[in-house]
PDB file of N, CA and C in Angstrom:
ATOM      1  N   UNK A   1     -18.404  -4.705 106.271  1.00  0.00           N
ATOM      2  CA  UNK A   1     -19.042  -4.305 107.377  1.00  0.00           C
ATOM      3  C   UNK A   1     -18.223  -3.251 107.947  1.00  0.00           C
ATOM      4  N   UNK A   2     -19.149  -2.110 108.330  1.00  0.00           N
ATOM      5  CA  UNK A   2     -18.256  -0.913 109.011  1.00  0.00           C
ATOM      6  C   UNK A   2     -18.237   0.135 107.946  1.00  0.00           C
ATOM      7  N   UNK A   3     -18.703  -0.006 106.761  1.00  0.00           N
ATOM      8  CA  UNK A   3     -18.509   0.875 105.833  1.00  0.00           C
ATOM      9  C   UNK A   3     -19.762   2.037 106.157  1.00  0.00           C
ATOM     10  N   UNK A   4     -19.590   3.090 105.726  1.00  0.00           N
ATOM     11  CA  UNK A   4     -20.655   4.615 106.092  1.00  0.00           C
ATOM     12  C   UNK A   4     -20.473   5.600 105.008  1.00  0.00           C
ATOM     13  N   UNK A   5     -21.409   6.098 104.446  1.00  0.00           N
ATOM     14  CA  UNK A   5     -21.353   6.971 103.498  1.00  0.00           C
ATOM     15  C   UNK A   5     -22.780   8.189 103.762  1.00  0.00           C
ATOM     16  N   UNK A   6     -22.615   9.088 103.001  1.00  0.00           N
ATOM     17  CA  UNK A   6     -23.957  10.423 103.407  1.00  0.00           C
ATOM     18  C   UNK A   6     -24.228  10.491 102.000  1.00  0.00           C
ATOM     19  N   UNK A   7     -25.561  10.796 101.796  1.00  0.00           N
ATOM     20  CA  UNK A   7     -26.271  11.656 100.656  1.00  0.00           C
ATOM     21  C   UNK A   7     -27.112  12.399 101.235  1.00  0.00           C
ATOM     22  N   UNK A   8     -27.497  13.382 100.218  1.00  0.00           N
ATOM     23  CA  UNK A   8     -28.923  14.284 100.614  1.00  0.00           C
ATOM     24  C   UNK A   8     -29.925  13.588  99.526  1.00  0.00           C
ATOM     25  N   UNK A   9     -31.105  13.649 100.119  1.00  0.00           N
ATOM     26  CA  UNK A   9     -32.187  13.317  99.037  1.00  0.00           C
ATOM     27  C   UNK A   9     -33.588  13.461  99.965  1.00  0.00           C
ATOM     28  N   UNK A  10     -34.461  13.758  99.124  1.00  0.00           N
ATOM     29  CA  UNK A  10     -35.841  14.005  99.371  1.00  0.00           C
ATOM     30  C   UNK A  10     -36.526  13.263 101.058  1.00  0.00           C
ATOM     31  N   UNK A  11     -36.867  13.883 101.711  1.00  0.00           N
ATOM     32  CA  UNK A  11     -37.188  13.426 102.960  1.00  0.00           C
ATOM     33  C   UNK A  11     -38.537  12.578 102.901  1.00  0.00           C
ATOM     34  N   UNK A  12     -38.501  11.361 103.490  1.00  0.00           N
ATOM     35  CA  UNK A  12     -39.602  10.540 103.355  1.00  0.00           C
ATOM     36  C   UNK A  12     -40.719  10.888 104.201  1.00  0.00           C
ATOM     37  N   UNK A  13     -40.495  11.798 105.278  1.00  0.00           N
ATOM     38  CA  UNK A  13     -41.515  12.678 105.874  1.00  0.00           C
ATOM     39  C   UNK A  13     -42.283  13.681 105.416  1.00  0.00           C
ATOM     40  N   UNK A  14     -41.419  14.701 104.476  1.00  0.00           N
ATOM     41  CA  UNK A  14     -41.859  15.747 103.787  1.00  0.00           C
ATOM     42  C   UNK A  14     -40.853  15.901 102.682  1.00  0.00           C
ATOM     43  N   UNK A  15     -41.260  14.898 101.577  1.00  0.00           N
ATOM     44  CA  UNK A  15     -40.579  14.968 100.673  1.00  0.00           C
ATOM     45  C   UNK A  15     -39.950  16.608  99.467  1.00  0.00           C
ATOM     46  N   UNK A  16     -40.702  17.610  99.898  1.00  0.00           N
ATOM     47  CA  UNK A  16     -40.393  18.840  99.780  1.00  0.00           C
ATOM     48  C   UNK A  16     -39.180  19.414 100.173  1.00  0.00           C
ATOM     49  N   UNK A  17     -38.762  18.723 101.333  1.00  0.00           N
ATOM     50  CA  UNK A  17     -37.338  19.235 101.683  1.00  0.00           C
ATOM     51  C   UNK A  17     -36.207  17.899 101.727  1.00  0.00           C
ATOM     52  N   UNK A  18     -35.044  18.607 101.684  1.00  0.00           N
ATOM     53  CA  UNK A  18     -33.748  17.488 101.667  1.00  0.00           C
ATOM     54  C   UNK A  18     -33.363  17.015 102.825  1.00  0.00           C
ATOM     55  N   UNK A  19     -32.812  16.156 103.219  1.00  0.00           N
ATOM     56  CA  UNK A  19     -32.318  15.749 104.426  1.00  0.00           C
ATOM     57  C   UNK A  19     -31.100  14.816 104.187  1.00  0.00           C
ATOM     58  N   UNK A  20     -30.147  14.672 104.925  1.00  0.00           N
ATOM     59  CA  UNK A  20     -28.992  14.025 105.193  1.00  0.00           C
ATOM     60  C   UNK A  20     -29.300  12.528 105.403  1.00  0.00           C
ATOM     61  N   UNK A  21     -29.089  11.284 104.492  1.00  0.00           N
ATOM     62  CA  UNK A  21     -29.232   9.703 104.818  1.00  0.00           C
ATOM     63  C   UNK A  21     -27.650   9.393 105.127  1.00  0.00           C
ATOM     64  N   UNK A  22     -27.686   8.473 105.969  1.00  0.00           N
ATOM     65  CA  UNK A  22     -26.615   7.805 106.350  1.00  0.00           C
ATOM     66  C   UNK A  22     -26.793   6.140 106.003  1.00  0.00           C
ATOM     67  N   UNK A  23     -25.731   5.988 105.025  1.00  0.00           N
ATOM     68  CA  UNK A  23     -25.937   4.730 104.865  1.00  0.00           C
ATOM     69  C   UNK A  23     -24.795   3.623 105.407  1.00  0.00           C
ATOM     70  N   UNK A  24     -25.088   2.453 105.924  1.00  0.00           N
ATOM     71  CA  UNK A  24     -24.249   1.780 106.836  1.00  0.00           C
ATOM     72  C   UNK A  24     -24.182   0.062 106.396  1.00  0.00           C
ATOM     73  N   UNK A  25     -23.268  -0.293 106.200  1.00  0.00           N
ATOM     74  CA  UNK A  25     -23.252  -2.033 106.427  1.00  0.00           C
ATOM     75  C   UNK A  25     -22.677  -2.082 107.656  1.00  0.00           C
ATOM     76  N   UNK A  26     -23.666  -3.318 108.326  1.00  0.00           N
ATOM     77  CA  UNK A  26     -23.284  -3.779 109.552  1.00  0.00           C
ATOM     78  C   UNK A  26     -23.442  -4.946 109.612  1.00  0.00           C
ATOM     79  N   UNK A  27     -22.815  -5.699 110.904  1.00  0.00           N
ATOM     80  CA  UNK A  27     -22.882  -6.833 111.051  1.00  0.00           C
ATOM     81  C   UNK A  27     -24.324  -7.368 111.580  1.00  0.00           C
ATOM     82  N   UNK A  28     -24.793  -8.543 111.014  1.00  0.00           N
ATOM     83  CA  UNK A  28     -26.209  -9.092 111.383  1.00  0.00           C
ATOM     84  C   UNK A  28     -26.031  -9.950 112.545  1.00  0.00           C
ATOM     85  N   UNK A  29     -26.705  -9.599 113.554  1.00  0.00           N
ATOM     86  CA  UNK A  29     -26.874 -10.718 114.605  1.00  0.00           C
ATOM     87  C   UNK A  29     -27.670 -11.833 114.214  1.00  0.00           C
ATOM     88  N   UNK A  30     -28.406 -11.956 113.535  1.00  0.00           N
ATOM     89  CA  UNK A  30     -29.272 -13.205 113.084  1.00  0.00           C
ATOM     90  C   UNK A  30     -28.772 -13.761 112.045  1.00  0.00           C
ATOM     91  N   UNK A  31     -27.862 -13.309 111.141  1.00  0.00           N
ATOM     92  CA  UNK A  31     -27.698 -13.972 109.747  1.00  0.00           C
ATOM     93  C   UNK A  31     -26.319 -13.859 109.612  1.00  0.00           C
ATOM     94  N   UNK A  32     -25.655 -14.792 108.767  1.00  0.00           N
ATOM     95  CA  UNK A  32     -24.549 -14.912 108.282  1.00  0.00           C
ATOM     96  C   UNK A  32     -24.156 -13.485 107.487  1.00  0.00           C
ATOM     97  N   UNK A  33     -24.915 -13.138 106.662  1.00  0.00           N
ATOM     98  CA  UNK A  33     -24.953 -11.988 105.666  1.00  0.00           C
ATOM     99  C   UNK A  33     -24.823 -10.600 106.514  1.00  0.00           C
ATOM    100  N   UNK A  34     -24.071  -9.539 106.283  1.00  0.00           N
ATOM    101  CA  UNK A  34     -24.295  -8.192 106.602  1.00  0.00           C
ATOM    102  C   UNK A  34     -25.555  -7.693 106.590  1.00  0.00           C
ATOM    103  N   UNK A  35     -26.170  -6.846 107.299  1.00  0.00           N
ATOM    104  CA  UNK A  35     -27.403  -5.899 107.083  1.00  0.00           C
ATOM    105  C   UNK A  35     -26.934  -4.543 106.282  1.00  0.00           C
ATOM    106  N   UNK A  36     -28.018  -4.007 105.584  1.00  0.00           N
ATOM    107  CA  UNK A  36     -27.747  -2.625 104.902  1.00  0.00           C
ATOM    108  C   UNK A  36     -28.518  -1.787 105.678  1.00  0.00           C
ATOM    109  N   UNK A  37     -28.275  -0.848 106.068  1.00  0.00           N
ATOM    110  CA  UNK A  37     -29.041   0.318 107.151  1.00  0.00           C
ATOM    111  C   UNK A  37     -29.072   1.674 106.399  1.00  0.00           C
ATOM    112  N   UNK A  38     -30.270   2.132 106.260  1.00  0.00           N
ATOM    113  CA  UNK A  38     -30.407   4.090 105.634  1.00  0.00           C
ATOM    114  C   UNK A  38     -30.859   4.612 107.089  1.00  0.00           C
ATOM    115  N   UNK A  39     -30.452   5.587 107.237  1.00  0.00           N
ATOM    116  CA  UNK A  39     -31.009   6.422 108.421  1.00  0.00           C
ATOM    117  C   UNK A  39     -31.161   7.894 107.878  1.00  0.00           C
ATOM    118  N   UNK A  40     -32.599   8.289 107.718  1.00  0.00           N
ATOM    119  CA  UNK A  40     -32.745   9.597 107.480  1.00  0.00           C
ATOM    120  C   UNK A  40     -32.474  10.400 108.765  1.00  0.00           C
ATOM    121  N   UNK A  41     -31.963  11.798 108.416  1.00  0.00           N
ATOM    122  CA  UNK A  41     -31.693  12.753 109.811  1.00  0.00           C
ATOM    123  C   UNK A  41     -32.924  13.043 110.441  1.00  0.00           C
ATOM    124  N   UNK A  42     -33.996  13.011 109.661  1.00  0.00           N
ATOM    125  CA  UNK A  42     -35.069  13.831 110.383  1.00  0.00           C
ATOM    126  C   UNK A  42     -36.163  12.825 110.890  1.00  0.00           C
ATOM    127  N   UNK A  43     -35.670  11.121 110.849  1.00  0.00           N
ATOM    128  CA  UNK A  43     -36.510  10.257 111.359  1.00  0.00           C
ATOM    129  C   UNK A  43     -35.412   8.977 111.588  1.00  0.00           C
ATOM    130  N   UNK A  44     -34.665   9.578 112.716  1.00  0.00           N
ATOM    131  CA  UNK A  44     -33.677   8.486 113.091  1.00  0.00           C
ATOM    132  C   UNK A  44     -34.059   7.040 113.998  1.00  0.00           C
ATOM    133  N   UNK A  45     -34.911   7.232 114.426  1.00  0.00           N
ATOM    134  CA  UNK A  45     -35.637   6.117 115.020  1.00  0.00           C
ATOM    135  C   UNK A  45     -36.388   4.940 114.324  1.00  0.00           C
ATOM    136  N   UNK A  46     -36.198   5.274 113.110  1.00  0.00           N
ATOM    137  CA  UNK A  46     -36.857   4.701 111.988  1.00  0.00           C
ATOM    138  C   UNK A  46     -36.202   4.040 110.606  1.00  0.00           C
ATOM    139  N   UNK A  47     -34.741   3.514 110.981  1.00  0.00           N
ATOM    140  CA  UNK A  47     -33.961   3.326 109.876  1.00  0.00           C
ATOM    141  C   UNK A  47     -34.690   2.345 109.023  1.00  0.00           C
ATOM    142  N   UNK A  48     -34.076   2.179 107.769  1.00  0.00           N
ATOM    143  CA  UNK A  48     -34.691   1.171 106.835  1.00  0.00           C
ATOM    144  C   UNK A  48     -33.517   0.189 106.693  1.00  0.00           C
ATOM    145  N   UNK A  49     -33.736  -1.154 107.192  1.00  0.00           N
ATOM    146  CA  UNK A  49     -32.891  -2.105 106.897  1.00  0.00           C
ATOM    147  C   UNK A  49     -33.327  -3.209 106.011  1.00  0.00           C
ATOM    148  N   UNK A  50     -32.168  -3.719 105.421  1.00  0.00           N
ATOM    149  CA  UNK A  50     -32.513  -4.678 104.258  1.00  0.00           C
ATOM    150  C   UNK A  50     -31.529  -5.602 104.062  1.00  0.00           C
ATOM    151  N   UNK A  51     -31.348  -6.719 103.285  1.00  0.00           N
ATOM    152  CA  UNK A  51     -30.575  -7.697 103.322  1.00  0.00           C
ATOM    153  C   UNK A  51     -29.445  -7.047 101.810  1.00  0.00           C
ATOM    154  N   UNK A  52     -29.963  -5.717 101.161  1.00  0.00           N
ATOM    155  CA  UNK A  52     -28.984  -5.491 100.047  1.00  0.00           C
ATOM    156  C   UNK A  52     -29.365  -3.896  99.902  1.00  0.00           C
ATOM    157  N   UNK A  53     -28.273  -3.189  99.532  1.00  0.00           N
ATOM    158  CA  UNK A  53     -28.233  -1.450  99.373  1.00  0.00           C
ATOM    159  C   UNK A  53     -29.535  -1.240  98.571  1.00  0.00           C
ATOM    160  N   UNK A  54     -29.868  -2.100  97.525  1.00  0.00           N
ATOM    161  CA  UNK A  54     -30.915  -1.702  96.666  1.00  0.00           C
ATOM    162  C   UNK A  54     -32.401  -1.744  97.142  1.00  0.00           C
ATOM    163  N   UNK A  55     -32.324  -2.703  98.177  1.00  0.00           N
ATOM    164  CA  UNK A  55     -33.423  -3.185  99.246  1.00  0.00           C
ATOM    165  C   UNK A  55     -33.873  -1.762  99.875  1.00  0.00           C
ATOM    166  N   UNK A  56     -32.859  -1.198 100.827  1.00  0.00           N
ATOM    167  CA  UNK A  56     -32.999  -0.057 101.097  1.00  0.00           C
ATOM    168  C   UNK A  56     -33.507   1.142 100.464  1.00  0.00           C
ATOM    169  N   UNK A  57     -32.907   1.377  99.521  1.00  0.00           N
ATOM    170  CA  UNK A  57     -33.345   2.431  98.506  1.00  0.00           C
ATOM    171  C   UNK A  57     -34.449   2.341  97.953  1.00  0.00           C
ATOM    172  N   UNK A  58     -34.775   0.982  97.541  1.00  0.00           N
ATOM    173  CA  UNK A  58     -36.223   0.621  97.104  1.00  0.00           C
ATOM    174  C   UNK A  58     -37.250   1.278  97.670  1.00  0.00           C
ATOM    175  N   UNK A  59     -37.142   0.843  99.507  1.00  0.00           N
ATOM    176  CA  UNK A  59     -38.120   1.473 100.183  1.00  0.00           C
ATOM    177  C   UNK A  59     -38.271   2.886 100.301  1.00  0.00           C
ATOM    178  N   UNK A  60     -37.110   3.618 100.328  1.00  0.00           N
ATOM    179  CA  UNK A  60     -37.003   5.011 100.687  1.00  0.00           C
ATOM    180  C   UNK A  60     -37.674   5.597  99.250  1.00  0.00           C
ATOM    181  N   UNK A  61     -37.358   5.250  98.167  1.00  0.00           N
ATOM    182  CA  UNK A  61     -38.096   5.690  97.055  1.00  0.00           C
ATOM    183  C   UNK A  61     -39.582   5.588  96.783  1.00  0.00           C
ATOM    184  N   UNK A  62     -40.153   4.193  97.326  1.00  0.00           N
ATOM    185  CA  UNK A  62     -41.440   4.263  97.227  1.00  0.00           C
ATOM    186  C   UNK A  62     -42.061   5.097  98.182  1.00  0.00           C
ATOM    187  N   UNK A  63     -41.329   5.526  99.329  1.00  0.00           N
ATOM    188  CA  UNK A  63     -41.931   6.391 100.189  1.00  0.00           C
ATOM    189  C   UNK A  63     -41.844   7.899  99.745  1.00  0.00           C
ATOM    190  N   UNK A  64     -41.017   8.265  99.174  1.00  0.00           N
ATOM    191  CA  UNK A  64     -40.921   9.606  98.626  1.00  0.00           C
ATOM    192  C   UNK A  64     -41.618  10.089  97.102  1.00  0.00           C
ATOM    193  N   UNK A  65     -41.426   8.864  96.391  1.00  0.00           N
ATOM    194  CA  UNK A  65     -42.239   9.542  95.286  1.00  0.00           C
ATOM    195  C   UNK A  65     -43.506   9.023  95.161  1.00  0.00           C
ATOM    196  N   UNK A  66     -44.505  10.038  94.481  1.00  0.00           N
ATOM    197  CA  UNK A  66     -46.029   9.790  94.336  1.00  0.00           C
ATOM    198  C   UNK A  66     -46.076   8.765  93.467  1.00  0.00           C
ATOM    199  N   UNK A  67     -46.966   8.078  93.799  1.00  0.00           N
ATOM    200  CA  UNK A  67     -47.314   6.748  92.682  1.00  0.00           C
ATOM    201  C   UNK A  67     -48.682   6.540  93.023  1.00  0.00           C
ATOM    202  N   UNK A  68     -49.505   6.396  91.844  1.00  0.00           N
ATOM    203  CA  UNK A  68     -50.980   6.068  92.185  1.00  0.00           C
ATOM    204  C   UNK A  68     -51.127   4.484  92.438  1.00  0.00           C
ATOM    205  N   UNK A  69     -49.999   3.701  91.805  1.00  0.00           N
ATOM    206  CA  UNK A  69     -50.167   2.090  91.902  1.00  0.00           C
ATOM    207  C   UNK A  69     -49.083   1.678  92.552  1.00  0.00           C
ATOM    208  N   UNK A  70     -49.325   1.230  94.110  1.00  0.00           N
ATOM    209  CA  UNK A  70     -48.142   0.831  94.919  1.00  0.00           C
ATOM    210  C   UNK A  70     -47.577  -0.139  94.409  1.00  0.00           C
ATOM    211  N   UNK A  71     -48.321  -0.965  93.484  1.00  0.00           N
ATOM    212  CA  UNK A  71     -47.502  -2.153  92.843  1.00  0.00           C
ATOM    213  C   UNK A  71     -46.558  -2.054  92.056  1.00  0.00           C
ATOM    214  N   UNK A  72     -46.167  -0.735  91.539  1.00  0.00           N
ATOM    215  CA  UNK A  72     -45.342  -0.408  90.677  1.00  0.00           C
ATOM    216  C   UNK A  72     -43.871  -0.878  91.024  1.00  0.00           C
ATOM    217  N   UNK A  73     -42.932  -1.415  90.338  1.00  0.00           N
ATOM    218  CA  UNK A  73     -41.891  -1.609  90.786  1.00  0.00           C
ATOM    219  C   UNK A  73     -40.864  -0.602  90.575  1.00  0.00           C
ATOM    220  N   UNK A  74     -39.889  -0.509  91.522  1.00  0.00           N
ATOM    221  CA  UNK A  74     -38.960   0.897  91.700  1.00  0.00           C
ATOM    222  C   UNK A  74     -37.608   0.084  91.484  1.00  0.00           C
ATOM    223  N   UNK A  75     -36.971   0.401  90.455  1.00  0.00           N
ATOM    224  CA  UNK A  75     -35.532   0.179  90.125  1.00  0.00           C
ATOM    225  C   UNK A  75     -34.757   1.094  90.632  1.00  0.00           C
ATOM    226  N   UNK A  76     -33.573   0.707  91.452  1.00  0.00           N
ATOM    227  CA  UNK A  76     -32.652   1.582  91.731  1.00  0.00           C
ATOM    228  C   UNK A  76     -31.100   0.754  92.219  1.00  0.00           C
ATOM    229  N   UNK A  77     -30.146   1.445  91.609  1.00  0.00           N
ATOM    230  CA  UNK A  77     -28.821   1.114  91.808  1.00  0.00           C
ATOM    231  C   UNK A  77     -28.521   1.193  93.389  1.00  0.00           C
ATOM    232  N   UNK A  78     -28.667   0.223  94.310  1.00  0.00           N
ATOM    233  CA  UNK A  78     -28.205   0.223  95.663  1.00  0.00           C
ATOM    234  C   UNK A  78     -26.668   0.834  95.830  1.00  0.00           C
ATOM    235  N   UNK A  79     -25.843   0.031  94.971  1.00  0.00           N
ATOM    236  CA  UNK A  79     -24.437   0.223  94.997  1.00  0.00           C
ATOM    237  C   UNK A  79     -24.230   1.828  94.762  1.00  0.00           C
ATOM    238  N   UNK A  80     -24.996   2.414  93.831  1.00  0.00           N
ATOM    239  CA  UNK A  80     -24.673   4.067  93.549  1.00  0.00           C
ATOM    240  C   UNK A  80     -25.196   4.860  94.678  1.00  0.00           C
ATOM    241  N   UNK A  81     -26.480   4.359  95.347  1.00  0.00           N
ATOM    242  CA  UNK A  81     -26.889   5.363  96.123  1.00  0.00           C
ATOM    243  C   UNK A  81     -25.901   4.954  97.561  1.00  0.00           C
ATOM    244  N   UNK A  82     -25.571   3.798  97.793  1.00  0.00           N
ATOM    245  CA  UNK A  82     -24.908   3.638  99.041  1.00  0.00           C
ATOM    246  C   UNK A  82     -23.270   4.330  98.781  1.00  0.00           C
ATOM    247  N   UNK A  83     -22.794   4.837  97.663  1.00  0.00           N
ATOM    248  CA  UNK A  83     -21.553   5.164  97.477  1.00  0.00           C
ATOM    249  C   UNK A  83     -20.510   3.974  97.028  1.00  0.00           C
ATOM    250  N   UNK A  84     -21.237   2.686  96.994  1.00  0.00           N
ATOM    251  CA  UNK A  84     -20.238   1.631  96.957  1.00  0.00           C
ATOM    252  C   UNK A  84     -19.479   1.580  95.305  1.00  0.00           C
ATOM    253  N   UNK A  85     -20.220   2.252  94.656  1.00  0.00           N
ATOM    254  CA  UNK A  85     -19.687   2.525  93.140  1.00  0.00           C
ATOM    255  C   UNK A  85     -18.802   3.804  92.816  1.00  0.00           C
ATOM    256  N   UNK A  86     -18.589   4.722  94.116  1.00  0.00           N
ATOM    257  CA  UNK A  86     -17.800   5.631  93.962  1.00  0.00           C
ATOM    258  C   UNK A  86     -16.292   5.312  93.942  1.00  0.00           C
ATOM    259  N   UNK A  87     -15.545   5.989  92.607  1.00  0.00           N
ATOM    260  CA  UNK A  87     -14.292   5.705  92.287  1.00  0.00           C
ATOM    261  C   UNK A  87     -13.257   5.626  93.555  1.00  0.00           C
ATOM    262  N   UNK A  88     -13.519   6.342  94.595  1.00  0.00           N
ATOM    263  CA  UNK A  88     -12.647   6.433  95.809  1.00  0.00           C
ATOM    264  C   UNK A  88     -12.971   5.159  96.823  1.00  0.00           C
ATOM    265  N   UNK A  89     -13.920   4.502  96.320  1.00  0.00           N
ATOM    266  CA  UNK A  89     -14.441   3.357  96.900  1.00  0.00           C
ATOM    267  C   UNK A  89     -14.116   2.048  96.654  1.00  0.00           C
ATOM    268  N   UNK A  90     -14.182   1.989  95.207  1.00  0.00           N
ATOM    269  CA  UNK A  90     -13.864   0.774  94.309  1.00  0.00           C
ATOM    270  C   UNK A  90     -12.590   0.712  94.712  1.00  0.00           C
ATOM    271  N   UNK A  91     -11.556   1.565  94.772  1.00  0.00           N
ATOM    272  CA  UNK A  91      -9.940   1.393  94.856  1.00  0.00           C
ATOM    273  C   UNK A  91      -9.803   0.215  95.498  1.00  0.00           C
TER     274      UNK A  91
END
């Protein structure tokens, strides 16, 4: 809880541009486990919230990547996208 990282990625509103995303681990008021939150700088009122880092980034990728079939599973490493696998973080 309290971890925060930043990365640039395609916008969920306009995938042709890149925006800064802020990833955070927050205390959840309703659950024992923390919540994972990713907020795009071009849409700060609509953060993506999940029980896992992969859950957040899966939602973002589904919104950014053009897919004919929305039932297709998207695989993503939330630990990598959140910055939790970075050597400076792992120490």
